[in-house]
PDB file of all heavy atoms in Angstrom:
ATOM      1  N   ALA A   1      14.868   9.106  25.249  1.00  0.00           N
ATOM      2  CA  ALA A   1      14.027   9.289  24.064  1.00  0.00           C
ATOM      3  C   ALA A   1      14.208   8.125  23.092  1.00  0.00           C
ATOM      4  O   ALA A   1      13.222   7.606  22.549  1.00  0.00           O
ATOM      5  CB  ALA A   1      14.363  10.607  23.376  1.00  0.00           C
ATOM      6  N   ASP A   2      15.432   7.700  22.867  1.00  0.00           N
ATOM      7  CA  ASP A   2      15.690   6.563  21.974  1.00  0.00           C
ATOM      8  C   ASP A   2      15.030   5.289  22.489  1.00  0.00           C
ATOM      9  O   ASP A   2      14.415   4.547  21.720  1.00  0.00           O
ATOM     10  CB  ASP A   2      17.195   6.338  21.811  1.00  0.00           C
ATOM     11  CG  ASP A   2      17.869   7.420  20.989  1.00  0.00           C
ATOM     12  OD1 ASP A   2      17.176   8.100  20.201  1.00  0.00           O
ATOM     13  OD2 ASP A   2      19.093   7.597  21.149  1.00  0.00           O
ATOM     14  N   ALA A   3      15.158   5.033  23.784  1.00  0.00           N
ATOM     15  CA  ALA A   3      14.581   3.827  24.365  1.00  0.00           C
ATOM     16  C   ALA A   3      13.056   3.847  24.278  1.00  0.00           C
ATOM     17  O   ALA A   3      12.429   2.833  23.936  1.00  0.00           O
ATOM     18  CB  ALA A   3      15.021   3.685  25.819  1.00  0.00           C
ATOM     19  N   LEU A   4      12.447   4.996  24.560  1.00  0.00           N
ATOM     20  CA  LEU A   4      10.987   5.120  24.480  1.00  0.00           C
ATOM     21  C   LEU A   4      10.501   4.931  23.050  1.00  0.00           C
ATOM     22  O   LEU A   4       9.498   4.264  22.801  1.00  0.00           O
ATOM     23  CB  LEU A   4      10.533   6.475  25.021  1.00  0.00           C
ATOM     24  CG  LEU A   4      10.653   6.680  26.521  1.00  0.00           C
ATOM     25  CD1 LEU A   4      10.381   8.133  26.875  1.00  0.00           C
ATOM     26  CD2 LEU A   4       9.718   5.761  27.276  1.00  0.00           C
ATOM     27  N   SER A   5      11.219   5.513  22.118  1.00  0.00           N
ATOM     28  CA  SER A   5      10.837   5.425  20.713  1.00  0.00           C
ATOM     29  C   SER A   5      10.895   3.983  20.213  1.00  0.00           C
ATOM     30  O   SER A   5       9.989   3.519  19.531  1.00  0.00           O
ATOM     31  CB  SER A   5      11.751   6.320  19.874  1.00  0.00           C
ATOM     32  OG  SER A   5      11.494   6.155  18.519  1.00  0.00           O
ATOM     33  N   LYS A   6      11.970   3.283  20.536  1.00  0.00           N
ATOM     34  CA  LYS A   6      12.118   1.891  20.094  1.00  0.00           C
ATOM     35  C   LYS A   6      11.079   0.988  20.731  1.00  0.00           C
ATOM     36  O   LYS A   6      10.513   0.114  20.071  1.00  0.00           O
ATOM     37  CB  LYS A   6      13.522   1.387  20.415  1.00  0.00           C
ATOM     38  CG  LYS A   6      14.588   1.983  19.526  1.00  0.00           C
ATOM     39  CD  LYS A   6      15.963   1.508  19.916  1.00  0.00           C
ATOM     40  CE  LYS A   6      17.013   2.236  19.093  1.00  0.00           C
ATOM     41  NZ  LYS A   6      18.370   1.919  19.567  1.00  0.00           N
ATOM     42  N   ALA A   7      10.817   1.188  22.010  1.00  0.00           N
ATOM     43  CA  ALA A   7       9.895   0.307  22.726  1.00  0.00           C
ATOM     44  C   ALA A   7       8.443   0.508  22.311  1.00  0.00           C
ATOM     45  O   ALA A   7       7.647  -0.430  22.371  1.00  0.00           O
ATOM     46  CB  ALA A   7      10.030   0.520  24.228  1.00  0.00           C
ATOM     47  N   THR A   8       8.097   1.718  21.883  1.00  0.00           N
ATOM     48  CA  THR A   8       6.699   2.003  21.556  1.00  0.00           C
ATOM     49  C   THR A   8       6.464   2.168  20.065  1.00  0.00           C
ATOM     50  O   THR A   8       5.357   2.496  19.654  1.00  0.00           O
ATOM     51  CB  THR A   8       6.232   3.281  22.271  1.00  0.00           C
ATOM     52  OG1 THR A   8       7.068   4.370  21.877  1.00  0.00           O
ATOM     53  CG2 THR A   8       6.267   3.104  23.776  1.00  0.00           C
ATOM     54  N   ASN A   9       7.509   1.987  19.266  1.00  0.00           N
ATOM     55  CA  ASN A   9       7.394   2.126  17.812  1.00  0.00           C
ATOM     56  C   ASN A   9       6.857   3.509  17.428  1.00  0.00           C
ATOM     57  O   ASN A   9       5.940   3.641  16.630  1.00  0.00           O
ATOM     58  CB  ASN A   9       6.524   1.016  17.226  1.00  0.00           C
ATOM     59  CG  ASN A   9       6.737   0.854  15.741  1.00  0.00           C
ATOM     60  OD1 ASN A   9       7.790   1.218  15.212  1.00  0.00           O
ATOM     61  ND2 ASN A   9       5.748   0.324  15.057  1.00  0.00           N
ATOM     62  N   SER A  10       7.441   4.531  18.045  1.00  0.00           N
ATOM     63  CA  SER A  10       7.026   5.905  17.791  1.00  0.00           C
ATOM     64  C   SER A  10       8.192   6.695  17.196  1.00  0.00           C
ATOM     65  O   SER A  10       9.293   6.170  17.049  1.00  0.00           O
ATOM     66  CB  SER A  10       6.545   6.559  19.083  1.00  0.00           C
ATOM     67  OG  SER A  10       7.555   6.529  20.065  1.00  0.00           O
ATOM     68  N   VAL A  11       7.942   7.970  16.877  1.00  0.00           N
ATOM     69  CA  VAL A  11       8.942   8.824  16.250  1.00  0.00           C
ATOM     70  C   VAL A  11       9.316   9.943  17.214  1.00  0.00           C
ATOM     71  O   VAL A  11       8.436  10.594  17.794  1.00  0.00           O
ATOM     72  CB  VAL A  11       8.383   9.436  14.942  1.00  0.00           C
ATOM     73  CG1 VAL A  11       9.374  10.386  14.313  1.00  0.00           C
ATOM     74  CG2 VAL A  11       8.003   8.335  13.970  1.00  0.00           C
ATOM     75  N   ILE A  12      10.619  10.163  17.362  1.00  0.00           N
ATOM     76  CA  ILE A  12      11.088  11.292  18.173  1.00  0.00           C
ATOM     77  C   ILE A  12      10.978  12.537  17.313  1.00  0.00           C
ATOM     78  O   ILE A  12      11.646  12.652  16.292  1.00  0.00           O
ATOM     79  CB  ILE A  12      12.553  11.097  18.615  1.00  0.00           C
ATOM     80  CG1 ILE A  12      12.723   9.820  19.408  1.00  0.00           C
ATOM     81  CG2 ILE A  12      13.028  12.308  19.413  1.00  0.00           C
ATOM     82  CD1 ILE A  12      14.164   9.440  19.661  1.00  0.00           C
ATOM     83  N   VAL A  13      10.146  13.464  17.725  1.00  0.00           N
ATOM     84  CA  VAL A  13       9.998  14.706  16.989  1.00  0.00           C
ATOM     85  C   VAL A  13      11.095  15.671  17.393  1.00  0.00           C
ATOM     86  O   VAL A  13      11.747  16.278  16.549  1.00  0.00           O
ATOM     87  CB  VAL A  13       8.607  15.339  17.234  1.00  0.00           C
ATOM     88  CG1 VAL A  13       8.484  16.655  16.500  1.00  0.00           C
ATOM     89  CG2 VAL A  13       7.514  14.391  16.818  1.00  0.00           C
ATOM     90  N   ASP A  14      11.324  15.786  18.715  1.00  0.00           N
ATOM     91  CA  ASP A  14      12.339  16.724  19.183  1.00  0.00           C
ATOM     92  C   ASP A  14      12.699  16.420  20.630  1.00  0.00           C
ATOM     93  O   ASP A  14      11.886  15.900  21.382  1.00  0.00           O
ATOM     94  CB  ASP A  14      11.820  18.157  19.082  1.00  0.00           C
ATOM     95  CG  ASP A  14      12.929  19.196  19.126  1.00  0.00           C
ATOM     96  OD1 ASP A  14      14.106  18.832  18.944  1.00  0.00           O
ATOM     97  OD2 ASP A  14      12.618  20.376  19.333  1.00  0.00           O
ATOM     98  N   THR A  15      13.942  16.734  20.992  1.00  0.00           N
ATOM     99  CA  THR A  15      14.367  16.721  22.389  1.00  0.00           C
ATOM    100  C   THR A  15      15.026  18.062  22.651  1.00  0.00           C
ATOM    101  O   THR A  15      15.974  18.440  21.966  1.00  0.00           O
ATOM    102  CB  THR A  15      15.367  15.587  22.690  1.00  0.00           C
ATOM    103  OG1 THR A  15      16.479  15.708  21.821  1.00  0.00           O
ATOM    104  CG2 THR A  15      14.748  14.237  22.519  1.00  0.00           C
ATOM    105  N   ARG A  16      14.503  18.782  23.609  1.00  0.00           N
ATOM    106  CA  ARG A  16      15.068  20.083  23.993  1.00  0.00           C
ATOM    107  C   ARG A  16      15.207  20.119  25.493  1.00  0.00           C
ATOM    108  O   ARG A  16      14.222  20.019  26.210  1.00  0.00           O
ATOM    109  CB  ARG A  16      14.165  21.223  23.540  1.00  0.00           C
ATOM    110  CG  ARG A  16      14.132  21.365  22.059  1.00  0.00           C
ATOM    111  CD  ARG A  16      13.444  22.625  21.655  1.00  0.00           C
ATOM    112  NE  ARG A  16      13.322  22.633  20.195  1.00  0.00           N
ATOM    113  CZ  ARG A  16      12.896  23.654  19.513  1.00  0.00           C
ATOM    114  NH1 ARG A  16      12.533  24.754  20.132  1.00  0.00           N
ATOM    115  NH2 ARG A  16      12.820  23.591  18.199  1.00  0.00           N
ATOM    116  N   GLY A  17      16.446  20.268  25.931  1.00  0.00           N
ATOM    117  CA  GLY A  17      16.682  20.279  27.367  1.00  0.00           C
ATOM    118  C   GLY A  17      16.257  18.956  27.966  1.00  0.00           C
ATOM    119  O   GLY A  17      16.796  17.906  27.645  1.00  0.00           O
ATOM    120  N   SER A  18      15.257  19.006  28.824  1.00  0.00           N
ATOM    121  CA  SER A  18      14.782  17.788  29.470  1.00  0.00           C
ATOM    122  C   SER A  18      13.388  17.386  28.988  1.00  0.00           C
ATOM    123  O   SER A  18      12.693  16.640  29.655  1.00  0.00           O
ATOM    124  CB  SER A  18      14.768  17.992  30.986  1.00  0.00           C
ATOM    125  OG  SER A  18      13.897  19.052  31.313  1.00  0.00           O
ATOM    126  N   VAL A  19      12.989  17.880  27.835  1.00  0.00           N
ATOM    127  CA  VAL A  19      11.671  17.575  27.294  1.00  0.00           C
ATOM    128  C   VAL A  19      11.808  16.770  26.004  1.00  0.00           C
ATOM    129  O   VAL A  19      12.599  17.100  25.135  1.00  0.00           O
ATOM    130  CB  VAL A  19      10.870  18.872  27.025  1.00  0.00           C
ATOM    131  CG1 VAL A  19       9.539  18.565  26.389  1.00  0.00           C
ATOM    132  CG2 VAL A  19      10.686  19.658  28.307  1.00  0.00           C
ATOM    133  N   VAL A  20      11.002  15.712  25.905  1.00  0.00           N
ATOM    134  CA  VAL A  20      10.975  14.854  24.723  1.00  0.00           C
ATOM    135  C   VAL A  20       9.571  14.909  24.141  1.00  0.00           C
ATOM    136  O   VAL A  20       8.588  14.810  24.877  1.00  0.00           O
ATOM    137  CB  VAL A  20      11.310  13.389  25.094  1.00  0.00           C
ATOM    138  CG1 VAL A  20      11.229  12.496  23.871  1.00  0.00           C
ATOM    139  CG2 VAL A  20      12.666  13.297  25.746  1.00  0.00           C
ATOM    140  N   ILE A  21       9.488  15.079  22.825  1.00  0.00           N
ATOM    141  CA  ILE A  21       8.193  15.065  22.157  1.00  0.00           C
ATOM    142  C   ILE A  21       8.180  13.879  21.200  1.00  0.00           C
ATOM    143  O   ILE A  21       9.038  13.761  20.334  1.00  0.00           O
ATOM    144  CB  ILE A  21       7.939  16.376  21.404  1.00  0.00           C
ATOM    145  CG1 ILE A  21       7.931  17.528  22.396  1.00  0.00           C
ATOM    146  CG2 ILE A  21       6.623  16.308  20.631  1.00  0.00           C
ATOM    147  CD1 ILE A  21       7.896  18.886  21.772  1.00  0.00           C
ATOM    148  N   LEU A  22       7.185  13.006  21.406  1.00  0.00           N
ATOM    149  CA  LEU A  22       7.030  11.806  20.589  1.00  0.00           C
ATOM    150  C   LEU A  22       5.682  11.840  19.885  1.00  0.00           C
ATOM    151  O   LEU A  22       4.719  12.408  20.403  1.00  0.00           O
ATOM    152  CB  LEU A  22       7.093  10.545  21.453  1.00  0.00           C
ATOM    153  CG  LEU A  22       8.401  10.233  22.151  1.00  0.00           C
ATOM    154  CD1 LEU A  22       8.219   9.036  23.074  1.00  0.00           C
ATOM    155  CD2 LEU A  22       9.488   9.932  21.161  1.00  0.00           C
ATOM    156  N   THR A  23       5.624  11.217  18.725  1.00  0.00           N
ATOM    157  CA  THR A  23       4.362  11.041  18.021  1.00  0.00           C
ATOM    158  C   THR A  23       4.311   9.628  17.471  1.00  0.00           C
ATOM    159  O   THR A  23       5.358   8.984  17.303  1.00  0.00           O
ATOM    160  CB  THR A  23       4.190  12.078  16.891  1.00  0.00           C
ATOM    161  OG1 THR A  23       2.869  11.988  16.366  1.00  0.00           O
ATOM    162  CG2 THR A  23       5.193  11.881  15.786  1.00  0.00           C
ATOM    163  N   ASP A  24       3.116   9.158  17.193  1.00  0.00           N
ATOM    164  CA  ASP A  24       3.004   7.817  16.639  1.00  0.00           C
ATOM    165  C   ASP A  24       3.369   7.837  15.155  1.00  0.00           C
ATOM    166  O   ASP A  24       3.317   8.864  14.501  1.00  0.00           O
ATOM    167  CB  ASP A  24       1.617   7.226  16.869  1.00  0.00           C
ATOM    168  CG  ASP A  24       0.514   8.022  16.209  1.00  0.00           C
ATOM    169  OD1 ASP A  24       0.730   9.195  15.912  1.00  0.00           O
ATOM    170  OD2 ASP A  24      -0.575   7.452  16.011  1.00  0.00           O
ATOM    171  N   LYS A  25       3.764   6.692  14.639  1.00  0.00           N
ATOM    172  CA  LYS A  25       4.221   6.607  13.241  1.00  0.00           C
ATOM    173  C   LYS A  25       3.127   6.996  12.259  1.00  0.00           C
ATOM    174  O   LYS A  25       3.392   7.596  11.231  1.00  0.00           O
ATOM    175  CB  LYS A  25       4.734   5.207  12.935  1.00  0.00           C
ATOM    176  CG  LYS A  25       6.105   4.945  13.481  1.00  0.00           C
ATOM    177  CD  LYS A  25       6.721   3.767  12.779  1.00  0.00           C
ATOM    178  CE  LYS A  25       8.080   3.455  13.323  1.00  0.00           C
ATOM    179  NZ  LYS A  25       9.112   4.300  12.797  1.00  0.00           N
ATOM    180  N   ARG A  26       1.893   6.652  12.564  1.00  0.00           N
ATOM    181  CA  ARG A  26       0.787   6.953  11.655  1.00  0.00           C
ATOM    182  C   ARG A  26       0.636   8.465  11.463  1.00  0.00           C
ATOM    183  O   ARG A  26       0.487   8.940  10.345  1.00  0.00           O
ATOM    184  CB  ARG A  26      -0.501   6.351  12.205  1.00  0.00           C
ATOM    185  CG  ARG A  26      -1.692   6.553  11.309  1.00  0.00           C
ATOM    186  CD  ARG A  26      -2.898   5.896  11.882  1.00  0.00           C
ATOM    187  NE  ARG A  26      -3.119   6.395  13.245  1.00  0.00           N
ATOM    188  CZ  ARG A  26      -4.226   6.200  13.925  1.00  0.00           C
ATOM    189  NH1 ARG A  26      -5.190   5.491  13.418  1.00  0.00           N
ATOM    190  NH2 ARG A  26      -4.359   6.681  15.130  1.00  0.00           N
ATOM    191  N   THR A  27       0.699   9.219  12.550  1.00  0.00           N
ATOM    192  CA  THR A  27       0.593  10.678  12.457  1.00  0.00           C
ATOM    193  C   THR A  27       1.785  11.252  11.705  1.00  0.00           C
ATOM    194  O   THR A  27       1.630  12.124  10.853  1.00  0.00           O
ATOM    195  CB  THR A  27       0.515  11.303  13.869  1.00  0.00           C
ATOM    196  OG1 THR A  27      -0.603  10.742  14.548  1.00  0.00           O
ATOM    197  CG2 THR A  27       0.375  12.804  13.802  1.00  0.00           C
ATOM    198  N   TRP A  28       2.969  10.766  12.008  1.00  0.00           N
ATOM    199  CA  TRP A  28       4.184  11.255  11.352  1.00  0.00           C
ATOM    200  C   TRP A  28       4.127  10.992   9.847  1.00  0.00           C
ATOM    201  O   TRP A  28       4.409  11.869   9.040  1.00  0.00           O
ATOM    202  CB  TRP A  28       5.411  10.593  11.966  1.00  0.00           C
ATOM    203  CG  TRP A  28       6.688  11.021  11.332  1.00  0.00           C
ATOM    204  CD1 TRP A  28       7.431  10.321  10.439  1.00  0.00           C
ATOM    205  CD2 TRP A  28       7.361  12.273  11.512  1.00  0.00           C
ATOM    206  NE1 TRP A  28       8.530  11.044  10.061  1.00  0.00           N
ATOM    207  CE2 TRP A  28       8.511  12.246  10.708  1.00  0.00           C
ATOM    208  CE3 TRP A  28       7.109  13.397  12.292  1.00  0.00           C
ATOM    209  CZ2 TRP A  28       9.405  13.309  10.654  1.00  0.00           C
ATOM    210  CZ3 TRP A  28       8.004  14.446  12.232  1.00  0.00           C
ATOM    211  CH2 TRP A  28       9.131  14.403  11.425  1.00  0.00           C
ATOM    212  N   ASP A  29       3.747   9.778   9.479  1.00  0.00           N
ATOM    213  CA  ASP A  29       3.672   9.425   8.056  1.00  0.00           C
ATOM    214  C   ASP A  29       2.615  10.250   7.325  1.00  0.00           C
ATOM    215  O   ASP A  29       2.845  10.710   6.208  1.00  0.00           O
ATOM    216  CB  ASP A  29       3.378   7.936   7.880  1.00  0.00           C
ATOM    217  CG  ASP A  29       4.551   7.059   8.293  1.00  0.00           C
ATOM    218  OD1 ASP A  29       5.688   7.579   8.373  1.00  0.00           O
ATOM    219  OD2 ASP A  29       4.325   5.860   8.550  1.00  0.00           O
TER     220      ASP A  29
END
């Protein structure tokens, strides 16, 4: 999740078990 977030300039919303939820910075902001 950290690697994906850094490489795509996105925000980690949550990691539960083996699932990662990411969103783009614009939506998060």
